[in-house]
Amino acid sequence: MSESTSDVLVSTLSRTFFVPEREAGLRAAIGSLFHRKTRASRAVDAISFEIKPGEIVGFLGPNGAGKTTTLKMLSGLLFPTSGEARVLGHIPWRRERDFLSGITLVMGNRSQLQWDLPALDSFELNRAIYRLRRDDFMAIRDEMIELLEVADVVRKPVRNLSLGERMKVEMVGSLLHRPRVLFLDEPTIGLDVTMQKRVRSFIAEYNRRYGATVLLTSHYMADVVALCRRVIVIHHGRVLFDGDLTALGDRFAAYKTITVTLADIAAPLETYGEVMERDGYRVKLRVARAEVSRIAARLLSEQQVTDLTIEEPPIEDVIELVFAHEATA
């Protein structure tokens, strides 16, 4: 792999797991002790992409698509079956000190903090692990605590914190060494809407202050829309799309949504497009992208319209269309 200015560079990276298989029953159980059968399952299938310094990139796909496996390889927790990767110029699975001090992996369903101790004690442990100078450690710790507004919870045992509070102190602990590359795997999972927004704001501010590179997986599309200009869509271990978030809709969504509010509640609108939703005087229509201007003009000239808006389809719908396109390809 040639030298690159990218913080993350991935070339035909693959990972195959071998899953034990056997029939049900005692005979099969005994037989498997001597002749174990396995099935190859390719979690990641020759994916390639690169991420420039300072980019925040959404890494999208359904459960089992290969997202977490990819992040684990890029953070050095898993060896690939084949292919190459560089993160900050390092081969991740060699786990060199300079590499480990430059990255972090935050998993929304995993905890690195000591359950029975206050978060401040775990922060001290991380200071020792990363060999941080005390002055530097105190400065970044206090800055992160202020940004995430957790000054009132870091002295409580972690087990006494709410899910949202735990996620925020997890973020603090993961960033004490001021990593340049953040691998974030569902960082807002299970959080309420208010807490999700706070975590998103924190990620954006960390990126702005330190120029950090972020690869983010999330099932909450609000996270992606708020943070990412670019997305990589992966399915069955393969990259289906890599580009601007807006281009995703242009490429896969052949329609737009017209929401019209009428003065006449009884007005039929089926001749203008597919009626998706009707709520009193308000009707939502699905209209072919190429026909939007013409249909909007017809509505305004033929109906008693009090309000009309034209919108792109929700990003969730676009992602579903990407997967549907792959299934029929």
Protein backbone atom coordinates (compact mmCIF):
# COMPACT_ATOMS: atom_id res chain seq x y z
CA MET A 1 0.00 0.00 0.00
CA SER A 2 1.44 3.36 -1.05
CA GLU A 3 1.96 6.31 1.28
CA SER A 4 -1.08 8.51 1.73
CA THR A 5 -2.14 11.70 3.46
CA SER A 6 -5.29 9.92 4.70
CA ASP A 7 -5.78 9.21 8.40
CA VAL A 8 -7.57 5.96 7.52
CA LEU A 9 -6.71 3.95 4.41
CA VAL A 10 -8.36 0.60 3.71
CA SER A 11 -7.61 -1.64 0.71
CA THR A 12 -9.56 -4.86 -0.08
CA LEU A 13 -9.93 -5.61 3.64
CA SER A 14 -11.70 -8.88 4.45
CA ARG A 15 -12.51 -10.89 7.54
CA THR A 16 -13.92 -14.42 7.56
CA PHE A 17 -15.14 -16.23 10.66
CA PHE A 18 -15.52 -19.99 10.90
CA VAL A 19 -18.75 -20.89 12.68
CA PRO A 20 -19.22 -24.39 14.20
CA GLU A 21 -22.20 -26.34 12.85
CA ARG A 22 -23.85 -29.58 13.86
CA GLU A 23 -27.20 -31.34 13.73
CA ALA A 24 -29.44 -31.51 16.78
CA GLY A 25 -29.32 -34.57 19.02
CA LEU A 26 -26.96 -36.59 21.20
CA ARG A 27 -25.34 -38.51 18.34
CA ALA A 28 -24.42 -35.29 16.54
CA ALA A 29 -23.12 -33.76 19.77
CA ILE A 30 -20.80 -36.71 20.39
CA GLY A 31 -19.70 -36.81 16.76
CA SER A 32 -18.79 -33.10 16.85
CA LEU A 33 -16.23 -33.83 19.57
CA PHE A 34 -14.17 -35.76 17.00
CA HIS A 35 -15.15 -34.23 13.66
CA ARG A 36 -16.22 -30.64 14.07
CA LYS A 37 -17.91 -29.10 11.06
CA THR A 38 -17.56 -25.39 10.42
CA ARG A 39 -19.08 -22.93 8.01
CA ALA A 40 -17.18 -19.96 6.63
CA SER A 41 -18.96 -16.65 7.21
CA ARG A 42 -17.45 -13.61 5.51
CA ALA A 43 -18.25 -10.61 7.71
CA VAL A 44 -16.23 -8.11 5.66
CA ASP A 45 -15.71 -8.68 1.95
CA ALA A 46 -12.83 -6.80 0.28
CA ILE A 47 -13.84 -3.28 1.25
CA SER A 48 -11.78 -0.23 0.30
CA PHE A 49 -12.05 3.41 1.34
CA GLU A 50 -10.01 6.26 2.74
CA ILE A 51 -10.77 9.06 5.20
CA LYS A 52 -8.94 12.38 5.12
CA PRO A 53 -7.82 14.19 8.30
CA GLY A 54 -10.70 16.00 10.00
CA GLU A 55 -13.52 14.20 8.16
CA ILE A 56 -16.58 12.89 9.99
CA VAL A 57 -17.86 9.93 7.99
CA GLY A 58 -21.03 7.94 8.63
CA PHE A 59 -20.59 4.17 8.36
CA LEU A 60 -24.06 2.78 7.72
CA GLY A 61 -25.67 -0.60 7.29
CA PRO A 62 -28.11 -3.05 8.87
CA ASN A 63 -27.22 -5.35 11.76
CA GLY A 64 -24.69 -7.92 10.60
CA ALA A 65 -23.45 -5.78 7.70
CA GLY A 66 -19.84 -5.82 8.96
CA LYS A 67 -19.60 -2.37 10.53
CA THR A 68 -18.40 -3.38 14.00
CA THR A 69 -16.03 -6.00 12.58
CA THR A 70 -14.46 -3.30 10.40
CA LEU A 71 -14.05 -0.93 13.35
CA LYS A 72 -12.45 -3.69 15.42
CA MET A 73 -9.93 -4.37 12.66
CA LEU A 74 -9.15 -0.68 12.28
CA SER A 75 -8.63 -0.33 16.03
CA GLY A 76 -6.39 -3.41 16.16
CA LEU A 77 -8.71 -5.75 18.05
CA LEU A 78 -9.10 -8.19 15.14
CA PHE A 79 -6.72 -9.47 12.48
CA PRO A 80 -8.05 -9.40 8.92
CA THR A 81 -8.21 -12.53 6.80
CA SER A 82 -6.79 -10.57 3.89
CA GLY A 83 -6.26 -7.04 2.68
CA GLU A 84 -4.48 -4.04 4.14
CA ALA A 85 -5.21 -1.04 6.32
CA ARG A 86 -3.34 1.96 7.68
CA VAL A 87 -4.52 4.21 10.48
CA LEU A 88 -2.32 7.25 11.10
CA GLY A 89 0.28 5.45 9.00
CA HIS A 90 0.28 2.35 11.26
CA ILE A 91 -0.88 -1.20 10.64
CA PRO A 92 -3.60 -1.41 13.33
CA TRP A 93 -3.19 -5.06 14.39
CA ARG A 94 0.47 -4.49 15.28
CA ARG A 95 -0.89 -2.29 18.10
CA GLU A 96 2.17 -0.07 18.33
CA ARG A 97 2.24 2.49 21.14
CA ASP A 98 2.10 5.52 18.83
CA PHE A 99 -0.93 4.00 17.10
CA LEU A 100 -2.78 3.25 20.35
CA SER A 101 -2.14 6.74 21.68
CA GLY A 102 -3.60 8.24 18.51
CA ILE A 103 -6.96 6.42 18.32
CA THR A 104 -9.94 5.52 20.42
CA LEU A 105 -12.84 3.09 20.02
CA VAL A 106 -16.11 3.94 21.76
CA MET A 107 -18.81 1.28 21.70
CA GLY A 108 -22.22 2.32 22.96
CA ASN A 109 -22.95 -1.11 24.41
CA ARG A 110 -19.56 -1.63 26.11
CA SER A 111 -18.05 0.02 29.17
CA GLN A 112 -14.38 0.70 29.94
CA LEU A 113 -15.05 2.31 33.32
CA GLN A 114 -14.79 0.52 36.66
CA TRP A 115 -18.36 -0.23 37.71
CA ASP A 116 -17.98 0.32 41.47
CA LEU A 117 -15.67 3.35 41.35
CA PRO A 118 -16.32 6.98 40.52
CA ALA A 119 -15.46 7.91 36.94
CA LEU A 120 -12.66 10.16 38.23
CA ASP A 121 -10.79 7.07 39.47
CA SER A 122 -11.06 5.41 36.05
CA PHE A 123 -9.80 8.61 34.47
CA GLU A 124 -6.70 8.36 36.68
CA LEU A 125 -6.18 4.79 35.49
CA ASN A 126 -6.32 5.96 31.88
CA ARG A 127 -3.79 8.69 32.69
CA ALA A 128 -1.37 6.01 33.88
CA ILE A 129 -2.04 3.75 30.89
CA TYR A 130 -1.35 6.51 28.37
CA ARG A 131 1.49 7.99 30.46
CA LEU A 132 -0.03 11.46 30.35
CA ARG A 133 1.68 14.37 32.08
CA ARG A 134 -0.47 15.42 35.02
CA ASP A 135 -0.83 19.02 33.86
CA ASP A 136 -1.93 17.92 30.38
CA PHE A 137 -4.26 15.31 31.85
CA MET A 138 -5.93 17.78 34.22
CA ALA A 139 -6.43 20.32 31.44
CA ILE A 140 -8.05 17.92 28.97
CA ARG A 141 -10.05 16.15 31.71
CA ASP A 142 -11.56 19.40 32.97
CA GLU A 143 -12.21 20.60 29.42
CA MET A 144 -14.07 17.38 28.52
CA ILE A 145 -16.05 17.45 31.77
CA GLU A 146 -17.15 21.01 31.04
CA LEU A 147 -18.06 20.28 27.42
CA LEU A 148 -20.23 17.29 28.40
CA GLU A 149 -21.60 18.92 31.56
CA VAL A 150 -20.79 15.99 33.86
CA ALA A 151 -19.09 17.82 36.76
CA ASP A 152 -21.87 16.73 39.11
CA VAL A 153 -21.70 13.00 38.25
CA VAL A 154 -18.00 12.10 37.89
CA ARG A 155 -17.67 11.59 41.65
CA LYS A 156 -20.50 9.06 41.83
CA PRO A 157 -19.93 5.31 41.38
CA VAL A 158 -20.52 4.43 37.73
CA ARG A 159 -23.18 1.87 38.69
CA ASN A 160 -25.31 4.70 40.11
CA LEU A 161 -25.35 6.70 36.88
CA SER A 162 -28.11 6.73 34.30
CA LEU A 163 -27.40 5.35 30.82
CA GLY A 164 -26.99 8.85 29.42
CA GLU A 165 -24.63 9.90 32.23
CA ARG A 166 -22.56 6.73 31.77
CA MET A 167 -22.25 7.34 28.04
CA LYS A 168 -21.02 10.88 28.60
CA VAL A 169 -18.37 9.89 31.15
CA GLU A 170 -17.35 7.04 28.81
CA MET A 171 -16.71 9.67 26.17
CA VAL A 172 -14.58 11.68 28.58
CA GLY A 173 -12.52 8.61 29.54
CA SER A 174 -12.00 7.66 25.90
CA LEU A 175 -10.70 11.08 24.89
CA LEU A 176 -8.34 11.92 27.75
CA HIS A 177 -5.31 11.12 25.58
CA ARG A 178 -6.71 13.47 22.90
CA PRO A 179 -6.86 10.90 20.05
CA ARG A 180 -6.66 12.06 16.45
CA VAL A 181 -8.93 9.29 15.13
CA LEU A 182 -12.25 8.33 16.74
CA PHE A 183 -14.04 5.08 15.91
CA LEU A 184 -17.54 5.51 17.33
CA ASP A 185 -19.82 2.46 17.28
CA GLU A 186 -23.40 3.44 18.16
CA PRO A 187 -22.35 6.12 20.70
CA THR A 188 -25.96 7.28 21.24
CA ILE A 189 -27.63 3.87 21.44
CA GLY A 190 -30.40 3.73 24.04
CA LEU A 191 -30.20 7.44 24.86
CA ASP A 192 -33.19 9.75 24.88
CA VAL A 193 -33.50 12.45 22.24
CA THR A 194 -32.09 15.21 24.46
CA MET A 195 -29.03 13.16 25.42
CA GLN A 196 -28.44 12.10 21.81
CA LYS A 197 -28.33 15.76 20.82
CA ARG A 198 -25.81 16.57 23.57
CA VAL A 199 -23.51 13.73 22.54
CA ARG A 200 -23.73 14.80 18.87
CA SER A 201 -22.88 18.37 19.81
CA PHE A 202 -19.89 17.16 21.81
CA ILE A 203 -18.56 15.06 18.90
CA ALA A 204 -18.90 18.04 16.55
CA GLU A 205 -17.12 20.34 19.00
CA TYR A 206 -14.28 17.85 19.58
CA ASN A 207 -13.84 17.58 15.82
CA ARG A 208 -13.80 21.37 15.48
CA ARG A 209 -11.31 21.96 18.31
CA TYR A 210 -8.81 19.22 17.52
CA GLY A 211 -9.37 18.45 13.85
CA ALA A 212 -10.11 14.84 14.78
CA THR A 213 -11.10 12.26 12.17
CA VAL A 214 -14.31 10.38 13.02
CA LEU A 215 -15.79 7.15 11.63
CA LEU A 216 -19.29 6.84 13.08
CA THR A 217 -21.82 4.02 13.01
CA SER A 218 -25.37 4.71 14.13
CA HIS A 219 -28.92 3.48 13.60
CA TYR A 220 -30.15 6.95 14.54
CA MET A 221 -30.15 8.81 11.25
CA ALA A 222 -30.34 12.13 13.13
CA ASP A 223 -26.74 11.44 14.22
CA VAL A 224 -25.62 11.01 10.63
CA VAL A 225 -27.53 13.98 9.23
CA ALA A 226 -26.25 16.27 12.00
CA LEU A 227 -22.59 15.22 11.82
CA CYS A 228 -21.70 13.69 8.46
CA ARG A 229 -21.38 15.18 5.00
CA ARG A 230 -20.08 11.85 3.67
CA VAL A 231 -21.42 8.34 4.23
CA ILE A 232 -20.22 4.84 3.46
CA VAL A 233 -23.03 2.29 3.14
CA ILE A 234 -22.09 -1.34 3.72
CA HIS A 235 -24.23 -4.48 3.33
CA HIS A 236 -23.24 -8.16 3.47
CA GLY A 237 -19.69 -7.00 4.12
CA ARG A 238 -19.41 -5.00 0.89
CA VAL A 239 -19.44 -1.26 0.23
CA LEU A 240 -22.57 -0.25 -1.71
CA PHE A 241 -22.10 3.52 -1.66
CA ASP A 242 -19.37 5.96 -0.71
CA GLY A 243 -20.03 9.65 -1.22
CA ASP A 244 -21.84 12.80 -0.12
CA LEU A 245 -24.94 12.31 1.98
CA THR A 246 -26.95 14.48 -0.41
CA ALA A 247 -25.72 12.46 -3.40
CA LEU A 248 -27.09 9.31 -1.78
CA GLY A 249 -30.62 10.64 -2.20
CA ASP A 250 -29.95 11.86 -5.73
CA ARG A 251 -28.66 8.45 -6.76
CA PHE A 252 -31.17 6.11 -5.11
CA ALA A 253 -34.32 8.13 -4.35
CA ALA A 254 -36.35 8.66 -7.51
CA TYR A 255 -39.01 10.72 -5.73
CA LYS A 256 -39.61 13.71 -3.48
CA THR A 257 -42.34 14.44 -0.98
CA ILE A 258 -44.85 17.25 -1.49
CA THR A 259 -46.79 18.22 1.61
CA VAL A 260 -49.79 20.38 0.78
CA THR A 261 -52.36 22.02 3.03
CA LEU A 262 -55.72 22.69 1.37
CA ALA A 263 -58.67 24.94 2.02
CA ASP A 264 -61.00 22.15 0.83
CA ILE A 265 -60.75 19.01 2.94
CA ALA A 266 -62.57 16.88 0.37
CA ALA A 267 -60.30 17.63 -2.56
CA PRO A 268 -59.08 14.39 -4.23
CA LEU A 269 -55.33 14.41 -4.97
CA GLU A 270 -54.66 10.92 -6.31
CA THR A 271 -54.12 12.30 -9.83
CA TYR A 272 -51.12 14.33 -8.57
CA GLY A 273 -49.11 11.52 -7.00
CA GLU A 274 -49.19 8.69 -4.49
CA VAL A 275 -51.05 9.77 -1.35
CA MET A 276 -48.81 8.69 1.52
CA GLU A 277 -50.66 10.35 4.37
CA ARG A 278 -53.82 12.42 4.88
CA ASP A 279 -54.50 14.34 8.07
CA GLY A 280 -57.50 16.64 7.73
CA TYR A 281 -56.55 19.46 5.39
CA ARG A 282 -52.94 18.29 5.18
CA VAL A 283 -51.90 15.71 2.55
CA LYS A 284 -48.50 14.19 1.87
CA LEU A 285 -47.78 13.06 -1.69
CA ARG A 286 -44.95 10.96 -3.15
CA VAL A 287 -44.02 12.41 -6.53
CA ALA A 288 -41.43 11.35 -9.10
CA ARG A 289 -38.37 13.59 -8.82
CA ALA A 290 -38.58 14.68 -12.46
CA GLU A 291 -42.25 15.63 -12.07
CA VAL A 292 -42.01 17.68 -8.88
CA SER A 293 -41.99 21.15 -10.47
CA ARG A 294 -44.88 20.36 -12.81
CA ILE A 295 -47.01 18.75 -10.07
CA ALA A 296 -46.39 21.61 -7.67
CA ALA A 297 -47.47 24.11 -10.34
CA ARG A 298 -50.63 22.07 -11.04
CA LEU A 299 -51.53 21.97 -7.36
CA LEU A 300 -51.12 25.72 -7.00
CA SER A 301 -53.21 26.45 -10.08
CA GLU A 302 -55.94 23.83 -9.67
CA GLN A 303 -56.43 23.59 -5.89
CA GLN A 304 -57.08 26.02 -3.05
CA VAL A 305 -53.64 25.66 -1.47
CA THR A 306 -52.81 27.43 1.80
CA ASP A 307 -49.33 25.89 2.20
CA LEU A 308 -46.99 23.71 0.13
CA THR A 309 -43.54 22.29 0.89
CA ILE A 310 -41.23 20.07 -1.15
CA GLU A 311 -38.80 17.79 0.72
CA GLU A 312 -36.24 15.12 0.06
CA PRO A 313 -37.28 11.67 1.33
CA PRO A 314 -36.12 10.77 4.86
CA ILE A 315 -32.59 9.37 4.84
CA GLU A 316 -33.90 6.16 6.43
CA ASP A 317 -36.02 5.57 3.32
CA VAL A 318 -33.04 6.23 1.06
CA ILE A 319 -30.91 3.68 2.93
CA GLU A 320 -33.69 1.11 2.54
CA LEU A 321 -33.69 1.81 -1.18
CA VAL A 322 -29.93 1.20 -1.30
CA PHE A 323 -30.41 -2.23 0.27
CA ALA A 324 -33.36 -3.00 -2.03
CA HIS A 325 -31.22 -2.02 -5.03
CA GLU A 326 -28.51 -4.42 -3.85
CA ALA A 327 -31.00 -7.27 -3.41
CA THR A 328 -32.22 -6.94 -7.01
CA ALA A 329 -28.78 -6.30 -8.56
